[in-house]
Amino acid sequence: MILSRILTLPATRGLDLDDPRTTVLRRQIIAEKKFLHKVYEDWYQHVAAELPPGDEPALELGSGAGFLKEYVKGLVTSEVFFCPGVDVVADATRLPFENSSLRGIVMTDVLHHVPNVRNFFAEATRCVKAGGVIAMIEPWVTTWSRIVYSRFHHEPFEPQAASWEIPPTGPLSGANSALPWILFARDFDQFQSEFPEWRLKSVRPTMPFRYLLAGGISMRSLMPGWAYGGWRVAENLLQPWMRTWGMFAYLVLERSSDRQI
């Protein structure tokens, strides 16, 4: 507890996660913490590379604190409440877009906050065109991440949860960090049965240490920005063992042409 108090950024103490001002502050923190900013740069490069070409827009969910728009031309940014720099206020379970009007939906650390993922995937099936994708970075369940998420992370982490739904609290405070793993590993047969329009194109566990060394958004960085490249090389050497060590996963689903709405 003493170490946690020492490492916590003073500006983040006692913040209400569901207050839009917290999201604005988080954007500032990501911009100022060089090591953390580089983590997001890596994430955004991977997400942007998965989007198919096309004239249709791509939608980002949970854009408030980020800068993915710098990597995706014509990206429509969204958040569950109004905050500066966001194009659309949108709920993931009720998307304000026409049928087959998007070439993709992208998100970073968002899916595990969606209270009813069935409603989200129904909406994604409606809005994303055939050949489009859902590309995301999400927490993942491994031997190492179970230790970190269950003991040192503020968000709920419940790999044993029977339901895919998250009890309603607030738009950002409600969460189950294990939900992406539940959907695309533990319960994947059920997911595929309910949403046959989506093919799981890739699951790539990644980044066991860099986000921790960055201190996330609420803690002080343990590394200067110039050290980032060395840690990336070190983690790349661990790639064969990421199913044991990864804390996050790059997840990509592709929309088939079957059962078009």
C-alpha atoms as a PDB file:
ATOM      1  CA  MET A   1       0.000   0.000   0.000  1.00  0.00           C
ATOM      2  CA  ILE A   2       2.822   2.398   0.831  1.00  0.00           C
ATOM      3  CA  LEU A   3       4.554   1.620  -2.481  1.00  0.00           C
ATOM      4  CA  SER A   4       1.280   2.150  -4.331  1.00  0.00           C
ATOM      5  CA  ARG A   5       0.826   5.573  -2.747  1.00  0.00           C
ATOM      6  CA  ILE A   6       4.390   6.527  -3.691  1.00  0.00           C
ATOM      7  CA  LEU A   7       3.999   5.413  -7.322  1.00  0.00           C
ATOM      8  CA  THR A   8       0.517   6.805  -7.936  1.00  0.00           C
ATOM      9  CA  LEU A   9       0.461  10.009  -9.970  1.00  0.00           C
ATOM     10  CA  PRO A  10      -0.857  12.741  -7.649  1.00  0.00           C
ATOM     11  CA  ALA A  11      -3.228  14.068 -10.318  1.00  0.00           C
ATOM     12  CA  THR A  12      -5.025  10.701 -10.569  1.00  0.00           C
ATOM     13  CA  ARG A  13      -5.731  10.134  -6.879  1.00  0.00           C
ATOM     14  CA  GLY A  14      -9.412   9.928  -6.011  1.00  0.00           C
ATOM     15  CA  LEU A  15     -10.646  10.519  -9.549  1.00  0.00           C
ATOM     16  CA  ASP A  16     -14.105   9.444 -10.660  1.00  0.00           C
ATOM     17  CA  LEU A  17     -13.493   7.180 -13.666  1.00  0.00           C
ATOM     18  CA  ASP A  18     -16.916   8.021 -15.072  1.00  0.00           C
ATOM     19  CA  ASP A  19     -16.316  11.783 -15.062  1.00  0.00           C
ATOM     20  CA  PRO A  20     -15.479  13.114 -18.570  1.00  0.00           C
ATOM     21  CA  ARG A  21     -12.829  15.333 -16.982  1.00  0.00           C
ATOM     22  CA  THR A  22     -10.924  12.185 -16.014  1.00  0.00           C
ATOM     23  CA  THR A  23     -10.824  11.121 -19.665  1.00  0.00           C
ATOM     24  CA  VAL A  24      -9.451  14.538 -20.643  1.00  0.00           C
ATOM     25  CA  LEU A  25      -6.777  14.232 -17.947  1.00  0.00           C
ATOM     26  CA  ARG A  26      -5.875  10.748 -19.194  1.00  0.00           C
ATOM     27  CA  ARG A  27      -5.281  12.140 -22.675  1.00  0.00           C
ATOM     28  CA  GLN A  28      -2.846  14.637 -21.186  1.00  0.00           C
ATOM     29  CA  ILE A  29      -1.066  11.915 -19.194  1.00  0.00           C
ATOM     30  CA  ILE A  30      -0.617   9.712 -22.272  1.00  0.00           C
ATOM     31  CA  ALA A  31       0.826  12.666 -24.172  1.00  0.00           C
ATOM     32  CA  GLU A  32       3.288  13.558 -21.395  1.00  0.00           C
ATOM     33  CA  LYS A  33       4.514  10.094 -20.374  1.00  0.00           C
ATOM     34  CA  LYS A  34       6.931   9.262 -23.190  1.00  0.00           C
ATOM     35  CA  PHE A  35       7.251   5.524 -22.483  1.00  0.00           C
ATOM     36  CA  LEU A  36       3.458   5.150 -22.260  1.00  0.00           C
ATOM     37  CA  HIS A  37       2.958   7.208 -25.416  1.00  0.00           C
ATOM     38  CA  LYS A  38       5.189   4.755 -27.272  1.00  0.00           C
ATOM     39  CA  VAL A  39       3.069   1.839 -25.989  1.00  0.00           C
ATOM     40  CA  TYR A  40       0.028   3.465 -27.573  1.00  0.00           C
ATOM     41  CA  GLU A  41       1.945   4.162 -30.771  1.00  0.00           C
ATOM     42  CA  ASP A  42       2.689   0.441 -31.081  1.00  0.00           C
ATOM     43  CA  TRP A  43      -0.923  -0.484 -30.365  1.00  0.00           C
ATOM     44  CA  TYR A  44      -2.273   2.003 -32.884  1.00  0.00           C
ATOM     45  CA  GLN A  45       0.080   0.859 -35.628  1.00  0.00           C
ATOM     46  CA  HIS A  46      -1.154  -2.710 -35.220  1.00  0.00           C
ATOM     47  CA  VAL A  47      -4.816  -1.704 -35.169  1.00  0.00           C
ATOM     48  CA  ALA A  48      -4.481   0.599 -38.199  1.00  0.00           C
ATOM     49  CA  ALA A  49      -2.718  -2.107 -40.209  1.00  0.00           C
ATOM     50  CA  GLU A  50      -5.700  -4.458 -39.821  1.00  0.00           C
ATOM     51  CA  LEU A  51      -8.270  -2.141 -41.401  1.00  0.00           C
ATOM     52  CA  PRO A  52      -9.177  -3.081 -44.977  1.00  0.00           C
ATOM     53  CA  PRO A  53      -8.951  -0.422 -47.681  1.00  0.00           C
ATOM     54  CA  GLY A  54     -12.129   1.313 -48.765  1.00  0.00           C
ATOM     55  CA  ASP A  55     -14.011   4.570 -48.878  1.00  0.00           C
ATOM     56  CA  GLU A  56     -16.248   3.704 -45.937  1.00  0.00           C
ATOM     57  CA  PRO A  57     -15.283   5.184 -42.569  1.00  0.00           C
ATOM     58  CA  ALA A  58     -13.849   3.233 -39.663  1.00  0.00           C
ATOM     59  CA  LEU A  59     -15.293   3.797 -36.198  1.00  0.00           C
ATOM     60  CA  GLU A  60     -13.242   3.957 -33.020  1.00  0.00           C
ATOM     61  CA  LEU A  61     -15.010   3.232 -29.738  1.00  0.00           C
ATOM     62  CA  GLY A  62     -13.673   4.816 -26.558  1.00  0.00           C
ATOM     63  CA  SER A  63     -11.564   7.449 -28.276  1.00  0.00           C
ATOM     64  CA  GLY A  64     -11.537  10.067 -25.524  1.00  0.00           C
ATOM     65  CA  ALA A  65      -8.018   9.671 -24.144  1.00  0.00           C
ATOM     66  CA  GLY A  66      -6.254   8.523 -27.291  1.00  0.00           C
ATOM     67  CA  PHE A  67      -4.814   9.678 -30.606  1.00  0.00           C
ATOM     68  CA  LEU A  68      -5.598   6.859 -33.069  1.00  0.00           C
ATOM     69  CA  LYS A  69      -6.901   9.452 -35.527  1.00  0.00           C
ATOM     70  CA  GLU A  70      -3.258  10.278 -36.295  1.00  0.00           C
ATOM     71  CA  TYR A  71      -2.895   6.759 -37.750  1.00  0.00           C
ATOM     72  CA  VAL A  72      -6.225   6.164 -39.534  1.00  0.00           C
ATOM     73  CA  LYS A  73      -7.379   8.555 -42.237  1.00  0.00           C
ATOM     74  CA  GLY A  74     -11.043   9.425 -41.940  1.00  0.00           C
ATOM     75  CA  LEU A  75     -11.463   7.732 -38.579  1.00  0.00           C
ATOM     76  CA  VAL A  76     -14.725   8.545 -36.787  1.00  0.00           C
ATOM     77  CA  THR A  77     -13.915   8.901 -33.097  1.00  0.00           C
ATOM     78  CA  SER A  78     -16.524   8.261 -30.421  1.00  0.00           C
ATOM     79  CA  GLU A  79     -17.031   8.210 -26.676  1.00  0.00           C
ATOM     80  CA  VAL A  80     -19.945   7.394 -24.359  1.00  0.00           C
ATOM     81  CA  PHE A  81     -20.052  11.024 -23.214  1.00  0.00           C
ATOM     82  CA  PHE A  82     -19.026  14.307 -24.763  1.00  0.00           C
ATOM     83  CA  CYS A  83     -15.377  15.300 -24.476  1.00  0.00           C
ATOM     84  CA  PRO A  84     -13.145  17.503 -26.646  1.00  0.00           C
ATOM     85  CA  GLY A  85     -11.878  16.044 -29.919  1.00  0.00           C
ATOM     86  CA  VAL A  86     -14.529  13.335 -30.220  1.00  0.00           C
ATOM     87  CA  ASP A  87     -16.721  13.235 -33.336  1.00  0.00           C
ATOM     88  CA  VAL A  88     -19.709  11.258 -32.035  1.00  0.00           C
ATOM     89  CA  VAL A  89     -21.232  10.453 -28.659  1.00  0.00           C
ATOM     90  CA  ALA A  90     -22.170   6.782 -29.078  1.00  0.00           C
ATOM     91  CA  ASP A  91     -23.102   3.741 -27.048  1.00  0.00           C
ATOM     92  CA  ALA A  92     -21.447   0.557 -28.362  1.00  0.00           C
ATOM     93  CA  THR A  93     -24.769  -1.273 -28.044  1.00  0.00           C
ATOM     94  CA  ARG A  94     -26.715   1.298 -30.099  1.00  0.00           C
ATOM     95  CA  LEU A  95     -24.523   2.524 -32.943  1.00  0.00           C
ATOM     96  CA  PRO A  96     -25.777   5.531 -34.944  1.00  0.00           C
ATOM     97  CA  PHE A  97     -24.693   4.165 -38.349  1.00  0.00           C
ATOM     98  CA  GLU A  98     -26.423   2.701 -41.387  1.00  0.00           C
ATOM     99  CA  ASN A  99     -26.308  -0.978 -42.326  1.00  0.00           C
ATOM    100  CA  SER A 100     -22.983  -2.062 -43.868  1.00  0.00           C
ATOM    101  CA  SER A 101     -21.678   1.512 -43.702  1.00  0.00           C
ATOM    102  CA  LEU A 102     -18.371   0.861 -41.860  1.00  0.00           C
ATOM    103  CA  ARG A 103     -15.212  -0.858 -43.035  1.00  0.00           C
ATOM    104  CA  GLY A 104     -14.262  -1.564 -39.470  1.00  0.00           C
ATOM    105  CA  ILE A 105     -14.604  -0.908 -35.770  1.00  0.00           C
ATOM    106  CA  VAL A 106     -11.455  -0.414 -33.718  1.00  0.00           C
ATOM    107  CA  MET A 107     -10.842  -0.019 -30.007  1.00  0.00           C
ATOM    108  CA  THR A 108      -8.149  -0.056 -27.347  1.00  0.00           C
ATOM    109  CA  ASP A 109      -9.016  -1.400 -23.888  1.00  0.00           C
ATOM    110  CA  VAL A 110     -12.743  -0.908 -24.491  1.00  0.00           C
ATOM    111  CA  LEU A 111     -14.521  -4.240 -25.071  1.00  0.00           C
ATOM    112  CA  HIS A 112     -14.094  -5.369 -21.465  1.00  0.00           C
ATOM    113  CA  HIS A 113     -16.108  -2.301 -20.377  1.00  0.00           C
ATOM    114  CA  VAL A 114     -19.115  -2.975 -22.635  1.00  0.00           C
ATOM    115  CA  PRO A 115     -21.969  -4.053 -20.328  1.00  0.00           C
ATOM    116  CA  ASN A 116     -23.777  -6.169 -22.944  1.00  0.00           C
ATOM    117  CA  VAL A 117     -21.405  -7.513 -25.583  1.00  0.00           C
ATOM    118  CA  ARG A 118     -24.160  -9.462 -27.333  1.00  0.00           C
ATOM    119  CA  ASN A 119     -25.874  -6.202 -28.190  1.00  0.00           C
ATOM    120  CA  PHE A 120     -22.555  -4.749 -29.363  1.00  0.00           C
ATOM    121  CA  PHE A 121     -21.791  -7.652 -31.701  1.00  0.00           C
ATOM    122  CA  ALA A 122     -25.336  -7.549 -33.066  1.00  0.00           C
ATOM    123  CA  GLU A 123     -24.813  -3.862 -33.866  1.00  0.00           C
ATOM    124  CA  ALA A 124     -21.351  -4.520 -35.319  1.00  0.00           C
ATOM    125  CA  THR A 125     -22.827  -7.238 -37.534  1.00  0.00           C
ATOM    126  CA  ARG A 126     -25.369  -4.729 -38.797  1.00  0.00           C
ATOM    127  CA  CYS A 127     -22.986  -1.812 -39.359  1.00  0.00           C
ATOM    128  CA  VAL A 128     -19.769  -3.423 -40.664  1.00  0.00           C
ATOM    129  CA  LYS A 129     -19.683  -4.406 -44.326  1.00  0.00           C
ATOM    130  CA  ALA A 130     -18.650  -7.837 -45.588  1.00  0.00           C
ATOM    131  CA  GLY A 131     -14.858  -8.086 -45.421  1.00  0.00           C
ATOM    132  CA  GLY A 132     -14.704  -5.462 -42.689  1.00  0.00           C
ATOM    133  CA  VAL A 133     -13.094  -6.062 -39.321  1.00  0.00           C
ATOM    134  CA  ILE A 134     -13.234  -5.480 -35.610  1.00  0.00           C
ATOM    135  CA  ALA A 135      -9.657  -4.853 -34.472  1.00  0.00           C
ATOM    136  CA  MET A 136      -8.800  -4.317 -30.830  1.00  0.00           C
ATOM    137  CA  ILE A 137      -6.206  -4.393 -28.080  1.00  0.00           C
ATOM    138  CA  GLU A 138      -7.588  -5.987 -24.917  1.00  0.00           C
ATOM    139  CA  PRO A 139      -6.380  -7.535 -21.655  1.00  0.00           C
ATOM    140  CA  TRP A 140      -5.720 -11.262 -21.983  1.00  0.00           C
ATOM    141  CA  VAL A 141      -5.609 -14.165 -19.532  1.00  0.00           C
ATOM    142  CA  THR A 142      -2.270 -15.936 -19.129  1.00  0.00           C
ATOM    143  CA  THR A 143      -0.310 -17.326 -16.185  1.00  0.00           C
ATOM    144  CA  TRP A 144       1.478 -13.988 -15.740  1.00  0.00           C
ATOM    145  CA  SER A 145      -1.519 -11.730 -16.324  1.00  0.00           C
ATOM    146  CA  ARG A 146      -3.615 -13.621 -13.752  1.00  0.00           C
ATOM    147  CA  ILE A 147      -1.090 -12.547 -11.121  1.00  0.00           C
ATOM    148  CA  VAL A 148      -0.971  -8.928 -12.261  1.00  0.00           C
ATOM    149  CA  TYR A 149      -4.664  -8.333 -12.919  1.00  0.00           C
ATOM    150  CA  SER A 150      -5.938 -10.124  -9.818  1.00  0.00           C
ATOM    151  CA  ARG A 151      -3.494  -8.530  -7.362  1.00  0.00           C
ATOM    152  CA  PHE A 152      -2.341  -5.186  -8.711  1.00  0.00           C
ATOM    153  CA  HIS A 153      -5.027  -3.818 -11.047  1.00  0.00           C
ATOM    154  CA  HIS A 154      -8.018  -1.732  -9.990  1.00  0.00           C
ATOM    155  CA  GLU A 155     -10.475  -3.210 -12.499  1.00  0.00           C
ATOM    156  CA  PRO A 156     -12.471  -6.382 -11.769  1.00  0.00           C
ATOM    157  CA  PHE A 157     -10.815  -9.511 -13.169  1.00  0.00           C
ATOM    158  CA  GLU A 158     -13.135 -12.535 -13.210  1.00  0.00           C
ATOM    159  CA  PRO A 159     -12.083 -15.350 -15.600  1.00  0.00           C
ATOM    160  CA  GLN A 160     -14.605 -17.609 -13.852  1.00  0.00           C
ATOM    161  CA  ALA A 161     -17.585 -15.308 -14.552  1.00  0.00           C
ATOM    162  CA  ALA A 162     -20.565 -17.310 -15.802  1.00  0.00           C
ATOM    163  CA  SER A 163     -22.109 -14.386 -17.686  1.00  0.00           C
ATOM    164  CA  TRP A 164     -20.783 -12.252 -20.519  1.00  0.00           C
ATOM    165  CA  GLU A 165     -22.632  -9.281 -19.087  1.00  0.00           C
ATOM    166  CA  ILE A 166     -21.049  -6.749 -16.741  1.00  0.00           C
ATOM    167  CA  PRO A 167     -23.043  -5.436 -13.757  1.00  0.00           C
ATOM    168  CA  PRO A 168     -23.950  -1.798 -14.462  1.00  0.00           C
ATOM    169  CA  THR A 169     -21.981   0.758 -12.456  1.00  0.00           C
ATOM    170  CA  GLY A 170     -20.637   3.478 -14.731  1.00  0.00           C
ATOM    171  CA  PRO A 171     -19.582   3.660 -18.394  1.00  0.00           C
ATOM    172  CA  LEU A 172     -15.879   3.340 -17.553  1.00  0.00           C
ATOM    173  CA  SER A 173     -15.825   1.925 -14.018  1.00  0.00           C
ATOM    174  CA  GLY A 174     -17.827  -1.172 -14.965  1.00  0.00           C
ATOM    175  CA  ALA A 175     -15.505  -3.867 -16.307  1.00  0.00           C
ATOM    176  CA  ASN A 176     -14.289  -7.445 -16.387  1.00  0.00           C
ATOM    177  CA  SER A 177     -10.722  -7.511 -17.679  1.00  0.00           C
ATOM    178  CA  ALA A 178     -11.084 -11.223 -18.432  1.00  0.00           C
ATOM    179  CA  LEU A 179     -14.078 -10.748 -20.756  1.00  0.00           C
ATOM    180  CA  PRO A 180     -12.142 -10.774 -24.080  1.00  0.00           C
ATOM    181  CA  TRP A 181     -10.481 -14.063 -23.087  1.00  0.00           C
ATOM    182  CA  ILE A 182     -13.853 -15.482 -22.027  1.00  0.00           C
ATOM    183  CA  LEU A 183     -15.360 -14.610 -25.417  1.00  0.00           C
ATOM    184  CA  PHE A 184     -12.506 -15.653 -27.697  1.00  0.00           C
ATOM    185  CA  ALA A 185     -10.926 -18.520 -25.767  1.00  0.00           C
ATOM    186  CA  ARG A 186     -12.999 -20.047 -22.966  1.00  0.00           C
ATOM    187  CA  ASP A 187     -16.423 -19.622 -24.606  1.00  0.00           C
ATOM    188  CA  PHE A 188     -15.358 -19.262 -28.216  1.00  0.00           C
ATOM    189  CA  ASP A 189     -17.539 -22.130 -29.494  1.00  0.00           C
ATOM    190  CA  GLN A 190     -20.560 -20.397 -28.001  1.00  0.00           C
ATOM    191  CA  PHE A 191     -19.516 -17.043 -29.460  1.00  0.00           C
ATOM    192  CA  GLN A 192     -19.120 -18.567 -32.906  1.00  0.00           C
ATOM    193  CA  SER A 193     -22.514 -20.235 -32.609  1.00  0.00           C
ATOM    194  CA  GLU A 194     -24.210 -16.945 -31.708  1.00  0.00           C
ATOM    195  CA  PHE A 195     -22.272 -14.777 -34.185  1.00  0.00           C
ATOM    196  CA  PRO A 196     -21.375 -16.960 -37.201  1.00  0.00           C
ATOM    197  CA  GLU A 197     -20.923 -13.823 -39.305  1.00  0.00           C
ATOM    198  CA  TRP A 198     -17.591 -13.201 -37.565  1.00  0.00           C
ATOM    199  CA  ARG A 199     -14.387 -15.144 -38.152  1.00  0.00           C
ATOM    200  CA  LEU A 200     -11.646 -14.876 -35.543  1.00  0.00           C
ATOM    201  CA  LYS A 201      -8.800 -13.921 -37.839  1.00  0.00           C
ATOM    202  CA  SER A 202      -6.037 -13.631 -35.246  1.00  0.00           C
ATOM    203  CA  VAL A 203      -5.284 -13.690 -31.530  1.00  0.00           C
ATOM    204  CA  ARG A 204      -1.802 -12.555 -30.597  1.00  0.00           C
ATOM    205  CA  PRO A 205      -0.888 -12.266 -26.896  1.00  0.00           C
ATOM    206  CA  THR A 206       1.670  -9.535 -26.314  1.00  0.00           C
ATOM    207  CA  MET A 207       3.353  -6.984 -24.064  1.00  0.00           C
ATOM    208  CA  PRO A 208       4.039  -8.640 -20.679  1.00  0.00           C
ATOM    209  CA  PHE A 209       6.153  -5.822 -19.266  1.00  0.00           C
ATOM    210  CA  ARG A 210       6.076  -2.586 -21.261  1.00  0.00           C
ATOM    211  CA  TYR A 211       2.684  -1.355 -20.074  1.00  0.00           C
ATOM    212  CA  LEU A 212       3.645  -2.131 -16.473  1.00  0.00           C
ATOM    213  CA  LEU A 213       6.941  -0.288 -16.846  1.00  0.00           C
ATOM    214  CA  ALA A 214       5.039   2.658 -18.316  1.00  0.00           C
ATOM    215  CA  GLY A 215       2.989   2.790 -15.119  1.00  0.00           C
ATOM    216  CA  GLY A 216      -0.237   2.704 -17.079  1.00  0.00           C
ATOM    217  CA  ILE A 217      -2.307   5.865 -16.808  1.00  0.00           C
ATOM    218  CA  SER A 218      -2.471   6.158 -13.034  1.00  0.00           C
ATOM    219  CA  MET A 219       1.092   5.343 -11.908  1.00  0.00           C
ATOM    220  CA  ARG A 220       4.482   6.945 -12.414  1.00  0.00           C
ATOM    221  CA  SER A 221       6.578   5.612 -15.264  1.00  0.00           C
ATOM    222  CA  LEU A 222       9.400   3.292 -14.217  1.00  0.00           C
ATOM    223  CA  MET A 223      11.334   3.828 -17.448  1.00  0.00           C
ATOM    224  CA  PRO A 224      12.346   6.835 -19.575  1.00  0.00           C
ATOM    225  CA  GLY A 225      11.100   7.045 -23.127  1.00  0.00           C
ATOM    226  CA  TRP A 226      14.509   6.310 -24.620  1.00  0.00           C
ATOM    227  CA  ALA A 227      14.501   2.826 -23.039  1.00  0.00           C
ATOM    228  CA  TYR A 228      11.401   1.726 -24.932  1.00  0.00           C
ATOM    229  CA  GLY A 229      13.166   0.218 -27.952  1.00  0.00           C
ATOM    230  CA  GLY A 230      15.299  -2.067 -25.790  1.00  0.00           C
ATOM    231  CA  TRP A 231      12.283  -3.406 -23.941  1.00  0.00           C
ATOM    232  CA  ARG A 232      10.467  -4.009 -27.225  1.00  0.00           C
ATOM    233  CA  VAL A 233      13.401  -6.100 -28.442  1.00  0.00           C
ATOM    234  CA  ALA A 234      13.436  -8.047 -25.159  1.00  0.00           C
ATOM    235  CA  GLU A 235       9.734  -8.803 -25.401  1.00  0.00           C
ATOM    236  CA  ASN A 236      10.053  -9.863 -29.026  1.00  0.00           C
ATOM    237  CA  LEU A 237      12.514 -12.509 -27.870  1.00  0.00           C
ATOM    238  CA  LEU A 238       9.783 -13.845 -25.582  1.00  0.00           C
ATOM    239  CA  GLN A 239       7.277 -14.188 -28.432  1.00  0.00           C
ATOM    240  CA  PRO A 240       7.270 -18.026 -28.411  1.00  0.00           C
ATOM    241  CA  TRP A 241       6.118 -17.927 -24.773  1.00  0.00           C
ATOM    242  CA  MET A 242       3.532 -15.111 -24.964  1.00  0.00           C
ATOM    243  CA  ARG A 243       0.670 -17.512 -24.179  1.00  0.00           C
ATOM    244  CA  THR A 244       2.255 -17.711 -20.735  1.00  0.00           C
ATOM    245  CA  TRP A 245       3.560 -14.151 -20.387  1.00  0.00           C
ATOM    246  CA  GLY A 246       1.324 -11.841 -22.434  1.00  0.00           C
ATOM    247  CA  MET A 247      -0.819  -9.282 -20.604  1.00  0.00           C
ATOM    248  CA  PHE A 248      -2.729  -8.044 -23.652  1.00  0.00           C
ATOM    249  CA  ALA A 249      -3.793  -9.480 -26.990  1.00  0.00           C
ATOM    250  CA  TYR A 250      -4.167  -8.104 -30.482  1.00  0.00           C
ATOM    251  CA  LEU A 251      -7.570  -9.445 -31.567  1.00  0.00           C
ATOM    252  CA  VAL A 252      -8.984  -9.254 -35.087  1.00  0.00           C
ATOM    253  CA  LEU A 253     -12.374 -10.496 -36.271  1.00  0.00           C
ATOM    254  CA  GLU A 254     -13.413 -10.415 -39.932  1.00  0.00           C
ATOM    255  CA  ARG A 255     -16.997  -9.985 -41.135  1.00  0.00           C
ATOM    256  CA  SER A 256     -18.084 -12.688 -43.555  1.00  0.00           C
ATOM    257  CA  SER A 257     -20.612 -12.227 -46.343  1.00  0.00           C
ATOM    258  CA  ASP A 258     -22.990 -14.762 -44.828  1.00  0.00           C
ATOM    259  CA  ARG A 259     -26.344 -13.681 -43.433  1.00  0.00           C
ATOM    260  CA  GLN A 260     -26.023 -10.089 -44.567  1.00  0.00           C
ATOM    261  CA  ILE A 261     -28.540  -7.782 -42.910  1.00  0.00           C
END
